[in-house]
Amino acid sequence: LDEIRAMRRERNFSEFSIAQLAGAVAQAFAICAVCFGLYWAINGDANSSTLALLTAIVFQIMALTGFMISKRR
């Protein structure tokens, strides 16, 4: 029972990870870029839409990288 409590305590107070924070911020930017891309796609601006969606892909890859780095430590 003490081991289970220790595991729960450790899970609640896990280390702060800069990589995980960077991943969360990158994912927020990715969501914003997708929203802008869809907005521009609906309004007929194909160049801006493509650029925004490609930017969203890059931000999402950055987010996944940040999350994976934080899991390995």
N, C-alpha and C. Protein backbone atom coordinates (compact mmCIF):
# COMPACT_ATOMS: atom_id res chain seq x y z
N LEU A 1 0.82 -1.19 0.00
CA LEU A 1 0.00 0.00 0.00
C LEU A 1 0.87 1.26 0.00
N ASP A 2 1.96 1.20 0.73
CA ASP A 2 2.87 2.35 0.76
C ASP A 2 3.50 2.60 -0.61
N GLU A 3 3.78 1.52 -1.34
CA GLU A 3 4.36 1.67 -2.67
C GLU A 3 3.37 2.33 -3.63
N ILE A 4 2.12 1.96 -3.52
CA ILE A 4 1.10 2.57 -4.38
C ILE A 4 0.96 4.05 -4.07
N ARG A 5 0.98 4.40 -2.80
CA ARG A 5 0.91 5.82 -2.43
C ARG A 5 2.12 6.58 -2.93
N ALA A 6 3.28 5.97 -2.83
CA ALA A 6 4.50 6.62 -3.32
C ALA A 6 4.44 6.83 -4.83
N MET A 7 3.92 5.83 -5.55
CA MET A 7 3.79 5.97 -7.01
C MET A 7 2.80 7.08 -7.36
N ARG A 8 1.70 7.17 -6.63
CA ARG A 8 0.71 8.21 -6.88
C ARG A 8 1.31 9.59 -6.58
N ARG A 9 2.05 9.69 -5.49
CA ARG A 9 2.68 10.96 -5.12
C ARG A 9 3.70 11.37 -6.19
N GLU A 10 4.46 10.41 -6.66
CA GLU A 10 5.46 10.71 -7.69
C GLU A 10 4.79 11.15 -8.98
N ARG A 11 3.67 10.53 -9.32
CA ARG A 11 2.95 10.90 -10.54
C ARG A 11 2.38 12.31 -10.41
N ASN A 12 1.89 12.66 -9.24
CA ASN A 12 1.31 13.98 -9.04
C ASN A 12 2.36 15.09 -9.05
N PHE A 13 3.55 14.79 -8.59
CA PHE A 13 4.60 15.79 -8.50
C PHE A 13 5.77 15.45 -9.42
N SER A 14 5.45 15.13 -10.66
CA SER A 14 6.51 14.79 -11.61
C SER A 14 7.32 16.03 -11.97
N GLU A 15 8.50 15.81 -12.52
CA GLU A 15 9.40 16.91 -12.85
C GLU A 15 8.83 17.79 -13.94
N PHE A 16 9.19 19.06 -13.87
CA PHE A 16 8.82 20.01 -14.91
C PHE A 16 9.71 19.77 -16.11
N SER A 17 9.14 19.72 -17.28
CA SER A 17 9.92 19.45 -18.48
C SER A 17 9.77 20.62 -19.46
N ILE A 18 10.90 21.22 -19.80
CA ILE A 18 10.90 22.30 -20.79
C ILE A 18 10.45 21.76 -22.15
N ALA A 19 10.86 20.53 -22.46
CA ALA A 19 10.48 19.93 -23.75
C ALA A 19 8.97 19.76 -23.84
N GLN A 20 8.35 19.35 -22.76
CA GLN A 20 6.90 19.17 -22.77
C GLN A 20 6.19 20.52 -22.88
N LEU A 21 6.71 21.53 -22.20
CA LEU A 21 6.14 22.87 -22.31
C LEU A 21 6.28 23.40 -23.73
N ALA A 22 7.45 23.21 -24.34
CA ALA A 22 7.66 23.65 -25.72
C ALA A 22 6.72 22.90 -26.67
N GLY A 23 6.50 21.62 -26.40
CA GLY A 23 5.57 20.85 -27.22
C GLY A 23 4.15 21.36 -27.11
N ALA A 24 3.74 21.73 -25.91
CA ALA A 24 2.39 22.25 -25.72
C ALA A 24 2.21 23.60 -26.42
N VAL A 25 3.23 24.44 -26.33
CA VAL A 25 3.16 25.74 -27.01
C VAL A 25 3.14 25.55 -28.52
N ALA A 26 3.97 24.64 -29.03
CA ALA A 26 3.99 24.37 -30.47
C ALA A 26 2.65 23.82 -30.93
N GLN A 27 2.02 22.99 -30.12
CA GLN A 27 0.73 22.44 -30.51
C GLN A 27 -0.35 23.53 -30.52
N ALA A 28 -0.26 24.47 -29.60
CA ALA A 28 -1.20 25.59 -29.62
C ALA A 28 -1.03 26.43 -30.88
N PHE A 29 0.23 26.67 -31.28
CA PHE A 29 0.47 27.39 -32.53
C PHE A 29 -0.02 26.59 -33.73
N ALA A 30 0.11 25.28 -33.68
CA ALA A 30 -0.37 24.43 -34.78
C ALA A 30 -1.88 24.56 -34.93
N ILE A 31 -2.58 24.56 -33.82
CA ILE A 31 -4.04 24.70 -33.88
C ILE A 31 -4.43 26.06 -34.47
N CYS A 32 -3.73 27.11 -34.06
CA CYS A 32 -3.99 28.44 -34.61
C CYS A 32 -3.71 28.48 -36.11
N ALA A 33 -2.61 27.86 -36.52
CA ALA A 33 -2.26 27.84 -37.94
C ALA A 33 -3.30 27.09 -38.76
N VAL A 34 -3.83 25.99 -38.22
CA VAL A 34 -4.88 25.25 -38.92
C VAL A 34 -6.13 26.11 -39.06
N CYS A 35 -6.48 26.82 -38.00
CA CYS A 35 -7.66 27.70 -38.06
C CYS A 35 -7.49 28.78 -39.12
N PHE A 36 -6.31 29.42 -39.14
CA PHE A 36 -6.06 30.43 -40.17
C PHE A 36 -6.06 29.81 -41.56
N GLY A 37 -5.47 28.63 -41.69
CA GLY A 37 -5.45 27.95 -42.99
C GLY A 37 -6.84 27.63 -43.50
N LEU A 38 -7.70 27.15 -42.62
CA LEU A 38 -9.08 26.85 -43.03
C LEU A 38 -9.85 28.13 -43.36
N TYR A 39 -9.60 29.18 -42.59
CA TYR A 39 -10.26 30.46 -42.87
C TYR A 39 -9.87 30.97 -44.25
N TRP A 40 -8.57 30.94 -44.54
CA TRP A 40 -8.12 31.42 -45.85
C TRP A 40 -8.57 30.49 -46.97
N ALA A 41 -8.69 29.20 -46.71
CA ALA A 41 -9.17 28.27 -47.74
C ALA A 41 -10.63 28.55 -48.08
N ILE A 42 -11.42 28.86 -47.06
CA ILE A 42 -12.83 29.17 -47.30
C ILE A 42 -12.97 30.48 -48.08
N ASN A 43 -12.11 31.45 -47.80
CA ASN A 43 -12.18 32.74 -48.48
C ASN A 43 -11.46 32.76 -49.82
N GLY A 44 -10.89 31.66 -50.24
CA GLY A 44 -10.32 31.55 -51.58
C GLY A 44 -8.87 31.97 -51.72
N ASP A 45 -8.17 32.22 -50.65
CA ASP A 45 -6.75 32.59 -50.72
C ASP A 45 -5.91 31.32 -50.60
N ALA A 46 -5.67 30.68 -51.74
CA ALA A 46 -5.02 29.36 -51.75
C ALA A 46 -3.57 29.43 -51.28
N ASN A 47 -2.84 30.46 -51.66
CA ASN A 47 -1.42 30.54 -51.28
C ASN A 47 -1.26 30.68 -49.77
N SER A 48 -2.01 31.57 -49.18
CA SER A 48 -1.93 31.76 -47.72
C SER A 48 -2.42 30.52 -46.98
N SER A 49 -3.45 29.89 -47.52
CA SER A 49 -3.98 28.68 -46.90
C SER A 49 -2.96 27.56 -46.90
N THR A 50 -2.30 27.36 -48.03
CA THR A 50 -1.28 26.31 -48.12
C THR A 50 -0.13 26.58 -47.18
N LEU A 51 0.32 27.82 -47.14
CA LEU A 51 1.42 28.18 -46.25
C LEU A 51 1.05 27.98 -44.78
N ALA A 52 -0.16 28.36 -44.41
CA ALA A 52 -0.60 28.20 -43.02
C ALA A 52 -0.72 26.72 -42.65
N LEU A 53 -1.24 25.90 -43.55
CA LEU A 53 -1.38 24.47 -43.25
C LEU A 53 -0.02 23.78 -43.18
N LEU A 54 0.92 24.19 -44.03
CA LEU A 54 2.27 23.63 -43.94
C LEU A 54 2.95 24.07 -42.64
N THR A 55 2.70 25.29 -42.23
CA THR A 55 3.23 25.76 -40.95
C THR A 55 2.63 24.96 -39.79
N ALA A 56 1.36 24.64 -39.90
CA ALA A 56 0.72 23.82 -38.86
C ALA A 56 1.35 22.44 -38.78
N ILE A 57 1.70 21.87 -39.93
CA ILE A 57 2.37 20.56 -39.93
C ILE A 57 3.72 20.65 -39.23
N VAL A 58 4.47 21.70 -39.52
CA VAL A 58 5.78 21.88 -38.89
C VAL A 58 5.63 22.04 -37.38
N PHE A 59 4.66 22.85 -36.96
CA PHE A 59 4.45 23.02 -35.51
C PHE A 59 4.01 21.72 -34.85
N GLN A 60 3.20 20.93 -35.54
CA GLN A 60 2.76 19.67 -34.95
C GLN A 60 3.93 18.69 -34.82
N ILE A 61 4.81 18.67 -35.80
CA ILE A 61 6.00 17.81 -35.69
C ILE A 61 6.89 18.29 -34.54
N MET A 62 7.01 19.60 -34.38
CA MET A 62 7.77 20.12 -33.24
C MET A 62 7.13 19.70 -31.92
N ALA A 63 5.80 19.74 -31.85
CA ALA A 63 5.09 19.34 -30.63
C ALA A 63 5.32 17.87 -30.33
N LEU A 64 5.21 17.03 -31.34
CA LEU A 64 5.43 15.60 -31.12
C LEU A 64 6.86 15.32 -30.68
N THR A 65 7.81 16.04 -31.25
CA THR A 65 9.20 15.87 -30.84
C THR A 65 9.39 16.27 -29.37
N GLY A 66 8.79 17.38 -28.98
CA GLY A 66 8.89 17.81 -27.59
C GLY A 66 8.27 16.82 -26.63
N PHE A 67 7.13 16.26 -27.00
CA PHE A 67 6.48 15.27 -26.14
C PHE A 67 7.29 13.99 -26.05
N MET A 68 7.88 13.57 -27.15
CA MET A 68 8.67 12.33 -27.14
C MET A 68 9.96 12.52 -26.33
N ILE A 69 10.58 13.68 -26.43
CA ILE A 69 11.80 13.93 -25.66
C ILE A 69 11.49 13.91 -24.17
N SER A 70 10.36 14.49 -23.78
CA SER A 70 10.02 14.52 -22.35
C SER A 70 9.68 13.13 -21.83
N LYS A 71 9.18 12.24 -22.67
CA LYS A 71 8.85 10.88 -22.23
C LYS A 71 10.09 10.03 -22.04
N ARG A 72 11.15 10.30 -22.79
CA ARG A 72 12.37 9.49 -22.70
C ARG A 72 13.17 9.77 -21.45
N ARG A 73 12.98 10.91 -20.84
CA ARG A 73 13.78 11.27 -19.66
C ARG A 73 13.18 10.75 -18.42
